[in-house]
């Protein structure tokens, strides 16, 4: 069984920063890409960022470009999300996920998911 565990969420004022971490445990697995998604109350789970290990290419939702940075270590199956200049609309539960097949921005393309970590940005 593969487990992804997120950490680093919390309460922060608008304009502040948080760094989310996601670590994999359990049986050995490899994924060509990892992603971050978020889900606010009453809304669908939305793509935030992804990283493709083979090329180190990164991808971002338009709403976070220039503010968030995804990084990580493929060998350790660890991925981070540095979030700067946070806004109240960034408040959500953030999930990391291991990609399997398909479009990187589509949550259906991901095989394993973490339990989520809450990020709350106060105005």
N, C-alpha and C. Protein backbone atom coordinates (compact mmCIF):
# COMPACT_ATOMS: atom_id res chain seq x y z
N UNK A 1 0.84 -1.19 0.00
CA UNK A 1 0.00 0.00 0.00
C UNK A 1 0.89 1.25 0.00
N UNK A 2 0.56 2.16 -0.87
CA UNK A 2 1.30 3.42 -0.97
C UNK A 2 0.52 4.49 -0.20
N UNK A 3 1.25 5.25 0.58
CA UNK A 3 0.64 6.36 1.31
C UNK A 3 1.38 7.65 0.98
N UNK A 4 0.61 8.68 0.72
CA UNK A 4 1.16 10.02 0.56
C UNK A 4 0.70 10.85 1.75
N UNK A 5 1.63 11.51 2.39
CA UNK A 5 1.31 12.27 3.60
C UNK A 5 1.74 13.71 3.40
N UNK A 6 0.75 14.62 3.46
CA UNK A 6 1.03 16.04 3.34
C UNK A 6 1.23 16.66 4.71
N UNK A 7 1.98 17.74 4.74
CA UNK A 7 2.17 18.51 5.96
C UNK A 7 2.48 19.95 5.58
N UNK A 8 2.39 20.83 6.57
CA UNK A 8 2.77 22.21 6.34
C UNK A 8 1.62 23.19 6.21
N UNK A 9 0.40 22.69 6.23
CA UNK A 9 -0.73 23.59 6.14
C UNK A 9 -0.90 24.38 7.43
N UNK A 10 -1.81 25.35 7.40
CA UNK A 10 -2.06 26.15 8.59
C UNK A 10 -2.81 27.42 8.27
N UNK A 11 -2.81 28.31 9.23
CA UNK A 11 -3.47 29.61 9.10
C UNK A 11 -2.42 30.69 8.88
N UNK A 12 -2.64 31.51 7.87
CA UNK A 12 -1.69 32.56 7.56
C UNK A 12 -2.45 33.80 7.09
N UNK A 13 -1.87 34.95 7.32
CA UNK A 13 -2.51 36.18 6.85
C UNK A 13 -2.26 36.37 5.36
N UNK A 14 -3.14 37.11 4.74
CA UNK A 14 -2.96 37.43 3.32
C UNK A 14 -1.60 38.08 3.11
N UNK A 15 -0.92 37.66 2.04
CA UNK A 15 0.41 38.15 1.76
C UNK A 15 1.51 37.28 2.34
N UNK A 16 1.15 36.36 3.19
CA UNK A 16 2.12 35.48 3.82
C UNK A 16 2.49 34.29 2.97
N UNK A 17 3.28 33.39 3.55
CA UNK A 17 3.80 32.23 2.83
C UNK A 17 3.62 30.97 3.65
N UNK A 18 3.52 29.86 2.94
CA UNK A 18 3.51 28.53 3.54
C UNK A 18 4.25 27.59 2.60
N UNK A 19 4.83 26.54 3.18
CA UNK A 19 5.48 25.52 2.36
C UNK A 19 4.87 24.18 2.71
N UNK A 20 4.23 23.57 1.73
CA UNK A 20 3.64 22.26 1.91
C UNK A 20 4.64 21.19 1.50
N UNK A 21 4.61 20.07 2.21
CA UNK A 21 5.45 18.93 1.89
C UNK A 21 4.58 17.70 1.69
N UNK A 22 5.06 16.80 0.87
CA UNK A 22 4.35 15.54 0.64
C UNK A 22 5.39 14.44 0.52
N UNK A 23 5.26 13.44 1.36
CA UNK A 23 6.21 12.33 1.35
C UNK A 23 5.47 11.02 1.14
N UNK A 24 6.08 10.13 0.38
CA UNK A 24 5.48 8.83 0.11
C UNK A 24 6.06 7.79 1.05
N UNK A 25 5.21 6.88 1.46
CA UNK A 25 5.67 5.76 2.28
C UNK A 25 4.91 4.50 1.85
N UNK A 26 5.34 3.39 2.37
CA UNK A 26 4.71 2.14 2.01
C UNK A 26 5.53 1.40 0.97
N UNK A 27 4.88 0.64 0.14
CA UNK A 27 5.62 -0.15 -0.84
C UNK A 27 6.27 0.78 -1.87
N UNK A 28 7.34 0.31 -2.43
CA UNK A 28 8.09 1.08 -3.42
C UNK A 28 7.24 1.33 -4.66
N UNK A 29 7.23 2.54 -5.09
CA UNK A 29 6.54 2.85 -6.34
C UNK A 29 7.28 3.99 -7.01
N UNK A 30 7.05 4.13 -8.27
CA UNK A 30 7.63 5.26 -8.99
C UNK A 30 6.55 5.89 -9.84
N UNK A 31 6.58 7.18 -9.88
CA UNK A 31 5.62 7.92 -10.67
C UNK A 31 6.38 8.94 -11.50
N UNK A 32 6.01 9.09 -12.74
CA UNK A 32 6.72 10.00 -13.62
C UNK A 32 6.43 11.47 -13.30
N UNK A 33 5.39 11.70 -12.53
CA UNK A 33 5.04 13.08 -12.18
C UNK A 33 4.26 13.09 -10.87
N UNK A 34 4.32 14.23 -10.21
CA UNK A 34 3.54 14.43 -8.98
C UNK A 34 2.81 15.76 -9.12
N UNK A 35 1.70 15.85 -8.44
CA UNK A 35 0.92 17.07 -8.55
C UNK A 35 0.33 17.50 -7.24
N UNK A 36 -0.10 18.76 -7.21
CA UNK A 36 -0.84 19.32 -6.09
C UNK A 36 -2.20 19.78 -6.61
N UNK A 37 -3.21 19.48 -5.84
CA UNK A 37 -4.57 19.92 -6.12
C UNK A 37 -5.12 20.58 -4.87
N UNK A 38 -6.20 21.30 -5.02
CA UNK A 38 -6.86 21.89 -3.86
C UNK A 38 -8.36 21.84 -4.03
N UNK A 39 -9.04 21.81 -2.90
CA UNK A 39 -10.50 21.76 -2.93
C UNK A 39 -11.05 22.65 -1.83
N UNK A 40 -11.80 23.66 -2.25
CA UNK A 40 -12.48 24.55 -1.31
C UNK A 40 -13.89 24.03 -1.07
N UNK A 41 -14.51 24.40 0.04
CA UNK A 41 -15.87 23.92 0.33
C UNK A 41 -16.84 24.24 -0.80
N UNK A 42 -17.58 23.24 -1.22
CA UNK A 42 -18.57 23.42 -2.27
C UNK A 42 -18.03 23.49 -3.67
N UNK A 43 -16.72 23.29 -3.81
CA UNK A 43 -16.11 23.35 -5.14
C UNK A 43 -15.45 22.04 -5.49
N UNK A 44 -15.21 21.85 -6.80
CA UNK A 44 -14.53 20.65 -7.24
C UNK A 44 -13.04 20.74 -6.95
N UNK A 45 -12.42 19.58 -6.91
CA UNK A 45 -10.97 19.54 -6.73
C UNK A 45 -10.31 20.14 -7.97
N UNK A 46 -9.37 21.08 -7.74
CA UNK A 46 -8.78 21.84 -8.84
C UNK A 46 -7.27 21.67 -8.88
N UNK A 47 -6.75 21.63 -10.08
CA UNK A 47 -5.31 21.52 -10.30
C UNK A 47 -4.61 22.77 -9.80
N UNK A 48 -3.46 22.57 -9.15
CA UNK A 48 -2.65 23.69 -8.69
C UNK A 48 -1.29 23.70 -9.40
N UNK A 49 -0.58 22.58 -9.32
CA UNK A 49 0.75 22.51 -9.91
C UNK A 49 1.16 21.05 -10.09
N UNK A 50 2.11 20.83 -11.00
CA UNK A 50 2.64 19.49 -11.21
C UNK A 50 4.09 19.59 -11.65
N UNK A 51 4.82 18.51 -11.42
CA UNK A 51 6.21 18.44 -11.85
C UNK A 51 6.45 17.10 -12.50
N UNK A 52 7.09 17.14 -13.66
CA UNK A 52 7.45 15.92 -14.38
C UNK A 52 8.91 15.64 -14.09
N UNK A 53 9.17 14.50 -13.51
CA UNK A 53 10.52 14.22 -13.01
C UNK A 53 11.57 14.13 -14.11
N UNK A 54 11.24 13.51 -15.22
CA UNK A 54 12.25 13.25 -16.25
C UNK A 54 12.84 14.52 -16.84
N UNK A 55 12.04 15.57 -16.90
CA UNK A 55 12.48 16.81 -17.51
C UNK A 55 12.57 17.97 -16.52
N UNK A 56 12.07 17.72 -15.30
CA UNK A 56 11.93 18.78 -14.29
C UNK A 56 11.00 19.89 -14.76
N UNK A 57 10.21 19.63 -15.76
CA UNK A 57 9.22 20.62 -16.20
C UNK A 57 8.16 20.79 -15.12
N UNK A 58 7.74 22.02 -14.95
CA UNK A 58 6.70 22.33 -13.97
C UNK A 58 5.51 22.99 -14.66
N UNK A 59 4.36 22.80 -14.08
CA UNK A 59 3.11 23.28 -14.65
C UNK A 59 2.28 23.90 -13.54
N UNK A 60 1.60 24.99 -13.86
CA UNK A 60 0.85 25.71 -12.83
C UNK A 60 -0.51 26.15 -13.35
N UNK A 61 -1.46 26.19 -12.44
CA UNK A 61 -2.73 26.82 -12.76
C UNK A 61 -2.49 28.32 -12.90
N UNK A 62 -3.24 28.96 -13.77
CA UNK A 62 -3.06 30.40 -13.99
C UNK A 62 -3.20 31.19 -12.70
N UNK A 63 -4.05 30.74 -11.81
CA UNK A 63 -4.34 31.48 -10.59
C UNK A 63 -3.17 31.51 -9.61
N UNK A 64 -2.19 30.63 -9.81
CA UNK A 64 -1.06 30.58 -8.86
C UNK A 64 0.28 30.88 -9.52
N UNK A 65 0.31 31.05 -10.83
CA UNK A 65 1.56 31.32 -11.53
C UNK A 65 2.23 32.56 -10.95
N UNK A 66 3.53 32.44 -10.72
CA UNK A 66 4.29 33.56 -10.18
C UNK A 66 4.26 33.66 -8.67
N UNK A 67 3.38 32.88 -8.04
CA UNK A 67 3.28 32.91 -6.57
C UNK A 67 3.66 31.57 -5.95
N UNK A 68 3.34 30.48 -6.62
CA UNK A 68 3.61 29.14 -6.09
C UNK A 68 4.74 28.50 -6.88
N UNK A 69 5.51 27.67 -6.19
CA UNK A 69 6.59 26.93 -6.83
C UNK A 69 6.56 25.48 -6.37
N UNK A 70 6.53 24.56 -7.32
CA UNK A 70 6.58 23.14 -7.02
C UNK A 70 8.00 22.64 -7.22
N UNK A 71 8.43 21.78 -6.32
CA UNK A 71 9.76 21.19 -6.42
C UNK A 71 9.73 19.84 -5.73
N UNK A 72 10.84 19.12 -5.77
CA UNK A 72 10.84 17.85 -5.09
C UNK A 72 12.02 16.99 -5.43
N UNK A 73 11.97 15.77 -4.95
CA UNK A 73 13.03 14.79 -5.14
C UNK A 73 12.39 13.51 -5.66
N UNK A 74 12.67 13.19 -6.92
CA UNK A 74 12.05 12.02 -7.52
C UNK A 74 12.48 10.73 -6.82
N UNK A 75 13.73 10.64 -6.45
CA UNK A 75 14.24 9.42 -5.82
C UNK A 75 13.55 9.16 -4.49
N UNK A 76 13.18 10.23 -3.81
CA UNK A 76 12.53 10.10 -2.51
C UNK A 76 11.02 10.17 -2.62
N UNK A 77 10.51 10.39 -3.84
CA UNK A 77 9.06 10.59 -4.01
C UNK A 77 8.54 11.63 -3.04
N UNK A 78 9.27 12.73 -2.97
CA UNK A 78 8.89 13.84 -2.10
C UNK A 78 8.66 15.06 -2.96
N UNK A 79 7.59 15.76 -2.68
CA UNK A 79 7.27 16.94 -3.46
C UNK A 79 6.87 18.07 -2.52
N UNK A 80 7.22 19.29 -2.89
CA UNK A 80 6.95 20.46 -2.08
C UNK A 80 6.14 21.48 -2.88
N UNK A 81 5.45 22.32 -2.15
CA UNK A 81 4.75 23.44 -2.79
C UNK A 81 5.02 24.68 -1.95
N UNK A 82 5.84 25.56 -2.47
CA UNK A 82 6.11 26.83 -1.81
C UNK A 82 5.06 27.82 -2.27
N UNK A 83 4.33 28.37 -1.32
CA UNK A 83 3.23 29.27 -1.63
C UNK A 83 3.54 30.65 -1.05
N UNK A 84 3.69 31.63 -1.91
CA UNK A 84 3.97 33.00 -1.50
C UNK A 84 2.82 33.92 -1.90
N UNK A 85 2.80 35.08 -1.31
CA UNK A 85 1.77 36.08 -1.61
C UNK A 85 0.38 35.46 -1.56
N UNK A 86 0.12 34.75 -0.49
CA UNK A 86 -1.14 34.04 -0.37
C UNK A 86 -2.32 34.99 -0.30
N UNK A 87 -3.43 34.53 -0.87
CA UNK A 87 -4.66 35.30 -0.90
C UNK A 87 -5.78 34.51 -0.22
N UNK A 88 -6.80 35.18 0.28
CA UNK A 88 -7.92 34.44 0.90
C UNK A 88 -8.51 33.39 -0.03
N UNK A 89 -8.52 33.64 -1.33
CA UNK A 89 -9.08 32.66 -2.26
C UNK A 89 -8.20 31.43 -2.44
N UNK A 90 -7.00 31.43 -1.85
CA UNK A 90 -6.18 30.23 -1.87
C UNK A 90 -6.56 29.25 -0.76
N UNK A 91 -7.46 29.67 0.12
CA UNK A 91 -7.89 28.80 1.22
C UNK A 91 -8.57 27.56 0.66
N UNK A 92 -8.12 26.40 1.12
CA UNK A 92 -8.65 25.12 0.64
C UNK A 92 -7.90 24.00 1.35
N UNK A 93 -8.39 22.79 1.13
CA UNK A 93 -7.61 21.61 1.51
C UNK A 93 -6.72 21.28 0.32
N UNK A 94 -5.44 21.14 0.57
CA UNK A 94 -4.46 20.86 -0.47
C UNK A 94 -4.06 19.39 -0.43
N UNK A 95 -4.08 18.77 -1.61
CA UNK A 95 -3.76 17.36 -1.75
C UNK A 95 -2.56 17.17 -2.68
N UNK A 96 -1.67 16.26 -2.33
CA UNK A 96 -0.67 15.84 -3.29
C UNK A 96 -1.11 14.51 -3.89
N UNK A 97 -0.61 14.24 -5.08
CA UNK A 97 -1.03 13.04 -5.78
C UNK A 97 0.07 12.56 -6.72
N UNK A 98 0.08 11.25 -6.94
CA UNK A 98 1.05 10.62 -7.85
C UNK A 98 0.36 10.33 -9.18
N UNK A 99 0.94 10.87 -10.24
CA UNK A 99 0.36 10.73 -11.57
C UNK A 99 0.52 9.32 -12.11
N UNK A 100 -0.49 8.89 -12.88
CA UNK A 100 -0.40 7.59 -13.51
C UNK A 100 -0.43 7.70 -15.03
N UNK A 101 -1.49 8.30 -15.55
CA UNK A 101 -1.62 8.41 -17.00
C UNK A 101 -2.62 9.51 -17.30
N UNK A 102 -2.41 10.22 -18.39
CA UNK A 102 -3.37 11.23 -18.81
C UNK A 102 -2.86 12.64 -18.59
N UNK A 103 -3.78 13.59 -18.66
CA UNK A 103 -3.41 15.00 -18.51
C UNK A 103 -3.01 15.31 -17.06
N UNK A 104 -1.96 16.09 -16.93
CA UNK A 104 -1.46 16.42 -15.60
C UNK A 104 -2.45 17.25 -14.80
N UNK A 105 -3.27 18.05 -15.46
CA UNK A 105 -4.19 18.92 -14.74
C UNK A 105 -5.49 18.21 -14.38
N UNK A 106 -5.67 16.96 -14.81
CA UNK A 106 -6.90 16.21 -14.57
C UNK A 106 -6.73 15.31 -13.36
N UNK A 107 -7.51 15.49 -12.30
CA UNK A 107 -7.35 14.63 -11.12
C UNK A 107 -7.56 13.15 -11.41
N UNK A 108 -8.29 12.82 -12.47
CA UNK A 108 -8.51 11.42 -12.81
C UNK A 108 -7.24 10.74 -13.32
N UNK A 109 -6.22 11.53 -13.61
CA UNK A 109 -4.96 10.98 -14.11
C UNK A 109 -4.04 10.49 -13.00
N UNK A 110 -4.46 10.70 -11.75
CA UNK A 110 -3.60 10.42 -10.61
C UNK A 110 -4.06 9.17 -9.88
N UNK A 111 -3.08 8.38 -9.47
CA UNK A 111 -3.36 7.06 -8.90
C UNK A 111 -3.43 7.08 -7.38
N UNK A 112 -2.52 7.80 -6.75
CA UNK A 112 -2.47 7.82 -5.29
C UNK A 112 -2.65 9.26 -4.81
N UNK A 113 -3.33 9.37 -3.66
CA UNK A 113 -3.65 10.68 -3.09
C UNK A 113 -3.32 10.71 -1.61
N UNK A 114 -2.91 11.88 -1.15
CA UNK A 114 -2.75 12.08 0.28
C UNK A 114 -4.08 12.40 0.92
N UNK A 115 -4.06 12.59 2.21
CA UNK A 115 -5.29 12.85 2.96
C UNK A 115 -5.65 14.33 2.96
N UNK A 116 -4.71 15.17 2.56
CA UNK A 116 -4.97 16.60 2.47
C UNK A 116 -4.49 17.36 3.69
N UNK A 117 -4.16 18.62 3.47
CA UNK A 117 -3.77 19.51 4.55
C UNK A 117 -4.48 20.84 4.34
N UNK A 118 -5.03 21.38 5.41
CA UNK A 118 -5.83 22.59 5.32
C UNK A 118 -4.95 23.83 5.27
N UNK A 119 -5.25 24.70 4.33
CA UNK A 119 -4.62 26.01 4.25
C UNK A 119 -5.71 27.06 4.36
N UNK A 120 -5.55 27.95 5.32
CA UNK A 120 -6.52 29.02 5.52
C UNK A 120 -5.79 30.35 5.49
N UNK A 121 -6.23 31.23 4.61
CA UNK A 121 -5.63 32.55 4.47
C UNK A 121 -6.63 33.60 4.92
N UNK A 122 -6.27 34.32 5.94
CA UNK A 122 -7.18 35.34 6.47
C UNK A 122 -6.90 36.69 5.81
N UNK A 123 -7.96 37.46 5.68
CA UNK A 123 -7.82 38.77 5.02
C UNK A 123 -7.50 39.87 6.02
